Amino acid sequence: MEHPPPPCAREFVVKVHSRCNLACDYCYVYEMADQRWRDRPVRMSAETFERTAFRLGEHVRTHSLDRVDVVLHGGEPLLAGVEAIRGFVAACRAATGGVARFSLQTNGLLLSEEVLQVLLDLDVRVGVSLDGTAPDHDRHRTRRSGRGSHAAVARGLEVLSQPRFRPIYGGLLCTVDLASDPVATYEALVAFAPPVVDFLLPHGNWTSPPPGVGDYADWLITVFDRWYRAAEPETSVRMFSEIMNVLLGGTSALEGIGTTPTAMVVVETDGAIEGPDQLASAFHGAAVTGLHVASASFDDAAALLAPAGLPLPCHDCEIRSVCGGGLPAHRYRAGAGFGNRTIYCADMFRLIQHVRQRLRSDIAALAGRS
């Protein structure tokens, strides 16, 4: 009898700095249920960097992996300084035999030619958070003084979008706000010529629902139609592309779309190994595993964090293979855990059905011409 292979993680989020130079009002790290960031080191120590690199190499060798993805995160990772990032990237590449691929998710405030040149030399891809137009972005993504951050982010993006830095331009991340015009939001993002746009639904759950649940489908459908019907391709919108991939018989690499198992491991600044940090939106300590890079392997973490599979209430749903039950953080209900439908169930159902109908109509039209 064959035994299934041991759980394996391929994506690692490393919190190199636990504080931020913005005070976004929707931040799941600082503004929601889990407040353990207050007791963590501000910056990851050299010893923890080294131990994390060692554990990464150990995991690669154990599973004979030809690639692992490491996301430098925070807080704001650039607050750690480019020399710390340079040292960690070098240590991980040495430990993994060069198979580690790096990206960095930033709020964009510290992007400059000098910083981007270092990241280009290191081949670290850069993703930037931008919430659309200046007024929409500044409504939520403010400095601690309350002043908006859009102008500073735009300056950084103007540098990042230059041909010189195009090889490391990872894309834009936008949190959906129902108060924002969907088309204006999309076009404000496309103005910076991103290779990819990620739309993030606000984190919430059945106990603490996000505002306007049930209305997100209309917002996303409007963006989808604008994106899909563009005369020339403008960018890739990952949520839409992955939904289409699954509808056409493929698989999804995006957490929260499809049923392909994904195991993400997070390393906090103190070396704690945890689950996806979006779980912080559910309850205090939701991502805790009790593991630490000093004493536990990433195999141990992968075994604990292996996806639980489709929630039981979703088993009879006609779009279950496309939705996959949504993000675990969005399934939580106090007293019932994470085995529920996503709080965005109705929104995702309508969006996926809309995309499916568009594809069917276009495929039928193409078939009629042949």
Protein backbone atom coordinates (compact mmCIF):
# COMPACT_ATOMS: atom_id res chain seq x y z
CA MET A 1 0.00 0.00 0.00
CA GLU A 2 1.42 3.36 -1.03
CA HIS A 3 1.66 6.10 1.56
CA PRO A 4 1.00 9.72 0.63
CA PRO A 5 4.08 11.94 0.53
CA PRO A 6 4.75 13.95 3.69
CA PRO A 7 3.33 17.49 3.68
CA CYS A 8 5.58 19.99 2.00
CA ALA A 9 5.54 23.80 1.99
CA ARG A 10 6.68 25.81 -1.01
CA GLU A 11 5.81 29.34 0.11
CA PHE A 12 7.41 31.00 3.11
CA VAL A 13 6.48 34.44 4.43
CA VAL A 14 9.29 35.90 6.52
CA LYS A 15 8.46 38.87 8.74
CA VAL A 16 11.76 40.73 8.68
CA HIS A 17 10.31 43.77 10.47
CA SER A 18 7.20 43.76 12.66
CA ARG A 19 6.29 47.45 12.65
CA CYS A 20 4.96 49.73 9.92
CA ASN A 21 5.34 53.36 8.89
CA LEU A 22 1.65 53.54 7.96
CA ALA A 23 -1.48 53.20 10.09
CA CYS A 24 -3.99 51.63 7.68
CA ASP A 25 -7.36 51.36 9.39
CA TYR A 26 -8.16 47.90 7.95
CA CYS A 27 -4.81 46.24 8.74
CA TYR A 28 -5.31 42.68 9.97
CA VAL A 29 -1.94 42.69 11.76
CA TYR A 30 -2.42 45.76 13.94
CA GLU A 31 -6.14 46.57 13.94
CA MET A 32 -7.86 43.22 14.40
CA ALA A 33 -8.22 40.49 17.01
CA ASP A 34 -4.63 39.27 17.36
CA GLN A 35 -2.38 41.83 19.06
CA ARG A 36 0.69 39.65 19.67
CA TRP A 37 2.75 41.96 17.44
CA ARG A 38 3.13 44.22 20.48
CA ASP A 39 5.38 41.66 22.21
CA ARG A 40 7.50 40.71 19.20
CA PRO A 41 10.96 42.09 18.34
CA VAL A 42 10.75 45.07 16.02
CA ARG A 43 13.36 43.55 13.70
CA MET A 44 14.39 39.96 13.04
CA SER A 45 17.79 39.25 14.59
CA ALA A 46 20.81 37.97 12.66
CA GLU A 47 20.57 34.70 14.59
CA THR A 48 16.92 34.21 13.59
CA PHE A 49 17.75 35.09 9.98
CA GLU A 50 20.46 32.40 9.99
CA ARG A 51 18.23 29.80 11.62
CA THR A 52 15.42 30.50 9.16
CA ALA A 53 17.82 30.09 6.23
CA PHE A 54 19.05 26.81 7.71
CA ARG A 55 15.49 25.49 8.09
CA LEU A 56 14.69 26.49 4.53
CA GLY A 57 17.70 24.59 3.19
CA GLU A 58 16.79 21.58 5.33
CA HIS A 59 13.25 21.56 3.87
CA VAL A 60 14.52 21.87 0.29
CA ARG A 61 16.90 18.93 0.73
CA THR A 62 14.32 16.74 2.49
CA HIS A 63 11.84 17.12 -0.38
CA SER A 64 14.30 17.58 -3.26
CA LEU A 65 12.56 20.82 -4.20
CA ASP A 66 13.60 22.72 -7.31
CA ARG A 67 11.95 25.96 -6.14
CA VAL A 68 10.67 27.63 -2.99
CA ASP A 69 9.15 31.09 -2.82
CA VAL A 70 10.18 33.40 0.01
CA VAL A 71 8.14 36.56 0.60
CA LEU A 72 9.80 39.28 2.68
CA HIS A 73 7.03 40.85 4.70
CA GLY A 74 6.19 42.88 7.77
CA GLY A 75 4.98 45.34 8.97
CA GLU A 76 7.01 47.14 6.38
CA PRO A 77 9.97 44.94 5.35
CA LEU A 78 12.08 47.80 3.99
CA LEU A 79 12.29 49.22 7.52
CA ALA A 80 14.71 46.35 8.22
CA GLY A 81 17.20 48.02 5.86
CA VAL A 82 18.60 46.80 2.56
CA GLU A 83 21.77 45.38 4.15
CA ALA A 84 19.76 43.06 6.39
CA ILE A 85 17.73 41.98 3.35
CA ARG A 86 20.91 41.46 1.33
CA GLY A 87 22.38 39.24 4.05
CA PHE A 88 19.23 37.15 4.47
CA VAL A 89 18.77 36.59 0.74
CA ALA A 90 22.41 35.50 0.39
CA ALA A 91 22.09 33.12 3.35
CA CYS A 92 18.90 31.53 1.97
CA ARG A 93 20.36 31.10 -1.50
CA ALA A 94 23.46 29.46 -0.05
CA ALA A 95 21.38 27.19 2.20
CA THR A 96 19.02 26.11 -0.60
CA GLY A 97 21.53 25.71 -3.38
CA GLY A 98 20.06 28.70 -5.19
CA VAL A 99 16.48 27.42 -5.53
CA ALA A 100 14.92 30.09 -3.29
CA ARG A 101 13.07 32.81 -5.24
CA PHE A 102 12.39 36.09 -3.46
CA SER A 103 9.72 38.76 -3.46
CA LEU A 104 8.96 41.66 -1.15
CA GLN A 105 5.60 43.19 -0.30
CA THR A 106 5.87 46.88 0.55
CA ASN A 107 3.65 49.89 1.12
CA GLY A 108 5.94 51.75 -1.30
CA LEU A 109 6.97 54.65 0.93
CA LEU A 110 10.65 53.70 1.03
CA LEU A 111 11.09 52.86 -2.64
CA SER A 112 13.88 54.82 -4.31
CA GLU A 113 16.38 54.25 -7.10
CA GLU A 114 19.02 53.25 -4.55
CA VAL A 115 16.78 50.73 -2.79
CA LEU A 116 15.43 49.32 -6.05
CA GLN A 117 18.94 48.92 -7.45
CA VAL A 118 19.84 46.71 -4.49
CA LEU A 119 16.67 44.66 -4.98
CA LEU A 120 17.37 44.39 -8.71
CA ASP A 121 20.91 43.18 -8.01
CA LEU A 122 19.43 40.59 -5.62
CA ASP A 123 16.65 39.63 -8.07
CA VAL A 124 13.93 40.32 -5.47
CA ARG A 125 10.54 41.04 -7.03
CA VAL A 126 8.62 43.96 -5.54
CA GLY A 127 4.88 44.06 -4.92
CA VAL A 128 3.30 47.33 -3.80
CA SER A 129 0.04 48.01 -1.97
CA LEU A 130 -2.07 50.66 -3.69
CA ASP A 131 -5.80 51.18 -3.20
CA GLY A 132 -6.69 52.91 -6.46
CA THR A 133 -7.20 56.64 -6.83
CA ALA A 134 -5.53 59.14 -4.49
CA PRO A 135 -8.71 59.93 -2.48
CA ASP A 136 -9.63 56.24 -2.16
CA HIS A 137 -6.12 55.20 -1.16
CA ASP A 138 -5.76 58.04 1.35
CA ARG A 139 -9.09 57.23 2.97
CA HIS A 140 -7.55 54.16 4.60
CA ARG A 141 -3.77 54.05 4.02
CA THR A 142 -2.59 56.96 6.13
CA ARG A 143 0.53 57.89 8.04
CA ARG A 144 0.31 58.00 11.82
CA SER A 145 -0.30 61.74 11.57
CA GLY A 146 -3.45 61.01 9.54
CA ARG A 147 -1.89 62.37 6.35
CA GLY A 148 -2.43 60.34 3.20
CA SER A 149 0.32 58.26 1.62
CA HIS A 150 -0.73 58.10 -2.05
CA ALA A 151 1.68 60.80 -3.29
CA ALA A 152 4.69 59.02 -1.79
CA VAL A 153 3.58 55.62 -3.10
CA ALA A 154 3.05 57.10 -6.57
CA ARG A 155 6.60 58.48 -6.56
CA GLY A 156 7.97 55.07 -5.69
CA LEU A 157 5.87 53.39 -8.38
CA GLU A 158 7.06 55.84 -11.00
CA VAL A 159 10.58 54.60 -10.32
CA LEU A 160 9.63 50.93 -10.09
CA SER A 161 7.74 51.06 -13.40
CA GLN A 162 10.79 52.34 -15.30
CA PRO A 163 12.19 49.86 -17.88
CA ARG A 164 15.34 49.50 -15.78
CA PHE A 165 13.40 48.00 -12.87
CA ARG A 166 10.70 46.24 -14.86
CA PRO A 167 12.28 42.78 -14.28
CA ILE A 168 11.52 43.02 -10.56
CA TYR A 169 8.11 44.74 -10.76
CA GLY A 170 5.90 42.13 -9.12
CA GLY A 171 2.55 43.94 -9.28
CA LEU A 172 -0.01 45.81 -7.20
CA LEU A 173 -2.18 44.72 -4.30
CA CYS A 174 -5.48 46.55 -3.80
CA THR A 175 -7.95 46.03 -0.95
CA VAL A 176 -11.51 46.31 -2.25
CA ASP A 177 -13.53 49.22 -0.84
CA LEU A 178 -17.19 49.37 -1.81
CA ALA A 179 -17.08 53.15 -1.43
CA SER A 180 -14.63 53.33 -4.34
CA ASP A 181 -15.73 53.36 -7.96
CA PRO A 182 -14.63 49.96 -9.34
CA VAL A 183 -13.67 51.14 -12.83
CA ALA A 184 -11.85 54.22 -11.52
CA THR A 185 -9.98 51.99 -9.07
CA TYR A 186 -8.93 49.54 -11.77
CA GLU A 187 -7.84 52.30 -14.16
CA ALA A 188 -5.84 54.05 -11.41
CA LEU A 189 -3.94 50.79 -10.86
CA VAL A 190 -3.40 50.14 -14.57
CA ALA A 191 -1.94 53.65 -14.93
CA PHE A 192 1.21 52.32 -13.24
CA ALA A 193 1.50 49.48 -15.80
CA PRO A 194 1.59 46.60 -13.30
CA PRO A 195 2.24 43.10 -14.66
CA VAL A 196 -0.30 41.74 -12.15
CA VAL A 197 -3.07 43.19 -9.99
CA ASP A 198 -4.32 41.39 -6.90
CA PHE A 199 -7.67 42.40 -5.45
CA LEU A 200 -8.00 41.52 -1.77
CA LEU A 201 -11.39 41.23 -0.11
CA PRO A 202 -11.39 42.88 3.35
CA HIS A 203 -10.66 40.36 6.05
CA GLY A 204 -13.66 39.38 8.11
CA ASN A 205 -15.65 36.32 9.15
CA TRP A 206 -19.06 35.16 10.36
CA THR A 207 -18.44 36.58 13.83
CA SER A 208 -16.98 39.89 12.61
CA PRO A 209 -18.36 40.39 9.10
CA PRO A 210 -16.80 42.95 6.77
CA PRO A 211 -19.03 45.86 5.75
CA GLY A 212 -21.33 45.33 2.80
CA VAL A 213 -21.14 41.54 2.51
CA GLY A 214 -23.24 40.57 -0.51
CA ASP A 215 -22.30 43.68 -2.48
CA TYR A 216 -18.74 42.71 -3.40
CA ALA A 217 -19.88 40.62 -6.37
CA ASP A 218 -21.27 43.67 -8.17
CA TRP A 219 -18.00 45.58 -7.58
CA LEU A 220 -15.82 42.72 -8.81
CA ILE A 221 -18.08 41.90 -11.78
CA THR A 222 -17.84 45.52 -12.93
CA VAL A 223 -14.04 45.34 -12.80
CA PHE A 224 -14.03 41.96 -14.50
CA ASP A 225 -16.10 43.22 -17.42
CA ARG A 226 -13.85 46.28 -17.81
CA TRP A 227 -10.71 44.10 -17.71
CA TYR A 228 -12.03 41.26 -19.85
CA ARG A 229 -13.42 43.46 -22.62
CA ALA A 230 -10.35 45.71 -22.99
CA ALA A 231 -9.31 46.07 -26.63
CA GLU A 232 -5.73 45.13 -25.68
CA PRO A 233 -4.53 43.25 -22.58
CA GLU A 234 -3.64 45.81 -19.90
CA THR A 235 -2.57 43.60 -17.02
CA SER A 236 -3.30 40.26 -15.41
CA VAL A 237 -5.87 40.29 -12.59
CA ARG A 238 -4.91 37.24 -10.60
CA MET A 239 -8.32 36.53 -9.05
CA PHE A 240 -10.03 36.57 -12.45
CA SER A 241 -7.27 34.68 -14.25
CA GLU A 242 -7.24 31.89 -11.66
CA ILE A 243 -11.03 31.56 -11.70
CA MET A 244 -10.86 31.24 -15.49
CA ASN A 245 -8.04 28.69 -15.25
CA VAL A 246 -10.10 26.44 -13.00
CA LEU A 247 -13.28 26.85 -15.04
CA LEU A 248 -11.33 25.78 -18.13
CA GLY A 249 -10.02 22.63 -16.43
CA GLY A 250 -6.77 23.89 -14.97
CA THR A 251 -5.59 24.52 -11.44
CA SER A 252 -5.13 27.64 -9.36
CA ALA A 253 -1.97 28.84 -7.65
CA LEU A 254 -3.91 31.46 -5.67
CA GLU A 255 -4.96 30.73 -2.10
CA GLY A 256 -8.73 30.97 -1.82
CA ILE A 257 -9.41 29.92 -5.43
CA GLY A 258 -9.66 26.27 -6.48
CA THR A 259 -8.93 23.18 -4.43
CA THR A 260 -5.22 22.70 -5.15
CA PRO A 261 -3.61 22.25 -1.71
CA THR A 262 -1.41 25.13 -0.62
CA ALA A 263 0.65 25.19 2.55
CA MET A 264 2.01 28.59 3.54
CA VAL A 265 4.46 28.92 6.42
CA VAL A 266 5.04 32.24 8.21
CA VAL A 267 8.13 33.04 10.26
CA GLU A 268 7.66 35.93 12.66
CA THR A 269 10.43 38.30 13.79
CA ASP A 270 10.95 36.27 16.97
CA GLY A 271 11.40 33.03 14.99
CA ALA A 272 7.93 31.65 15.74
CA ILE A 273 6.63 29.45 12.92
CA GLU A 274 2.96 30.14 12.27
CA GLY A 275 0.13 29.73 9.83
CA PRO A 276 -1.10 32.37 7.34
CA ASP A 277 -1.14 35.72 9.10
CA GLN A 278 -4.61 36.59 7.77
CA LEU A 279 -5.84 34.28 10.53
CA ALA A 280 -5.06 37.17 12.89
CA SER A 281 -8.37 38.63 11.75
CA ALA A 282 -10.25 35.74 13.39
CA PHE A 283 -9.10 35.62 17.00
CA HIS A 284 -6.08 36.17 19.20
CA GLY A 285 -3.53 33.42 18.54
CA ALA A 286 -5.38 31.86 15.59
CA ALA A 287 -2.15 31.29 13.62
CA VAL A 288 -0.13 29.85 16.54
CA THR A 289 1.56 26.46 16.03
CA GLY A 290 3.86 26.43 19.06
CA LEU A 291 6.86 25.87 16.77
CA HIS A 292 10.07 27.88 16.49
CA VAL A 293 12.92 27.84 13.97
CA ALA A 294 15.37 27.12 16.81
CA SER A 295 13.83 23.73 17.54
CA ALA A 296 11.39 22.71 14.80
CA SER A 297 11.64 22.01 11.11
CA PHE A 298 9.41 23.34 8.37
CA ASP A 299 8.29 19.74 7.89
CA ASP A 300 6.79 19.93 11.39
CA ALA A 301 5.01 23.14 10.40
CA ALA A 302 3.78 21.76 7.06
CA ALA A 303 2.26 18.76 8.86
CA LEU A 304 0.36 21.05 11.23
CA LEU A 305 -0.67 23.53 8.54
CA ALA A 306 -1.73 21.07 5.83
CA PRO A 307 -4.99 22.37 4.30
CA ALA A 308 -8.09 20.91 5.93
CA GLY A 309 -9.84 20.58 2.57
CA LEU A 310 -13.25 21.74 1.47
CA PRO A 311 -15.59 22.76 4.31
CA LEU A 312 -18.44 20.29 4.77
CA PRO A 313 -21.20 22.83 3.91
CA CYS A 314 -19.55 23.33 0.48
CA HIS A 315 -19.56 19.70 -0.64
CA ASP A 316 -22.82 19.94 -2.59
CA CYS A 317 -22.10 23.35 -4.15
CA GLU A 318 -21.87 23.45 -7.95
CA ILE A 319 -18.88 25.82 -7.91
CA ARG A 320 -16.96 24.12 -5.08
CA SER A 321 -14.03 23.21 -7.33
CA VAL A 322 -13.62 26.87 -8.33
CA CYS A 323 -14.24 28.66 -5.04
CA GLY A 324 -12.61 26.01 -2.88
CA GLY A 325 -14.39 27.34 0.16
CA GLY A 326 -12.49 30.62 0.13
CA LEU A 327 -9.75 31.71 2.52
CA PRO A 328 -9.79 29.89 5.87
CA ALA A 329 -9.69 33.24 7.69
CA HIS A 330 -13.03 34.13 6.11
CA ARG A 331 -14.69 30.88 7.25
CA TYR A 332 -14.36 31.43 10.99
CA ARG A 333 -17.33 31.51 13.35
CA ALA A 334 -16.86 31.76 17.11
CA GLY A 335 -17.76 28.43 18.69
CA ALA A 336 -17.72 26.60 15.36
CA GLY A 337 -14.16 27.15 14.13
CA PHE A 338 -13.13 27.32 10.48
CA GLY A 339 -15.28 24.55 9.01
CA ASN A 340 -17.83 26.93 7.52
CA ARG A 341 -18.52 28.48 4.14
CA THR A 342 -16.63 31.70 3.48
CA ILE A 343 -18.40 34.86 4.63
CA TYR A 344 -18.08 35.87 0.96
CA CYS A 345 -19.95 32.77 -0.26
CA ALA A 346 -22.79 34.66 -1.98
CA ASP A 347 -20.37 37.15 -3.55
CA MET A 348 -18.03 34.47 -4.89
CA PHE A 349 -20.94 32.40 -6.21
CA ARG A 350 -22.25 35.33 -8.26
CA LEU A 351 -18.80 36.34 -9.51
CA ILE A 352 -17.85 32.82 -10.59
CA GLN A 353 -21.19 32.26 -12.31
CA HIS A 354 -20.73 35.54 -14.19
CA VAL A 355 -17.23 34.60 -15.34
CA ARG A 356 -18.45 31.15 -16.34
CA GLN A 357 -21.25 32.63 -18.46
CA ARG A 358 -18.85 35.03 -20.18
CA LEU A 359 -16.52 32.17 -21.06
CA ARG A 360 -19.35 29.96 -22.29
CA SER A 361 -20.73 32.72 -24.50
CA ASP A 362 -17.33 33.50 -26.02
CA ILE A 363 -16.45 29.84 -26.55
CA ALA A 364 -19.81 29.27 -28.24
CA ALA A 365 -19.26 32.31 -30.46
CA LEU A 366 -15.81 31.07 -31.45
CA ALA A 367 -17.17 27.60 -32.17
CA GLY A 368 -19.87 29.14 -34.38
CA ARG A 369 -17.24 30.88 -36.50
CA SER A 370 -15.18 27.74 -37.12
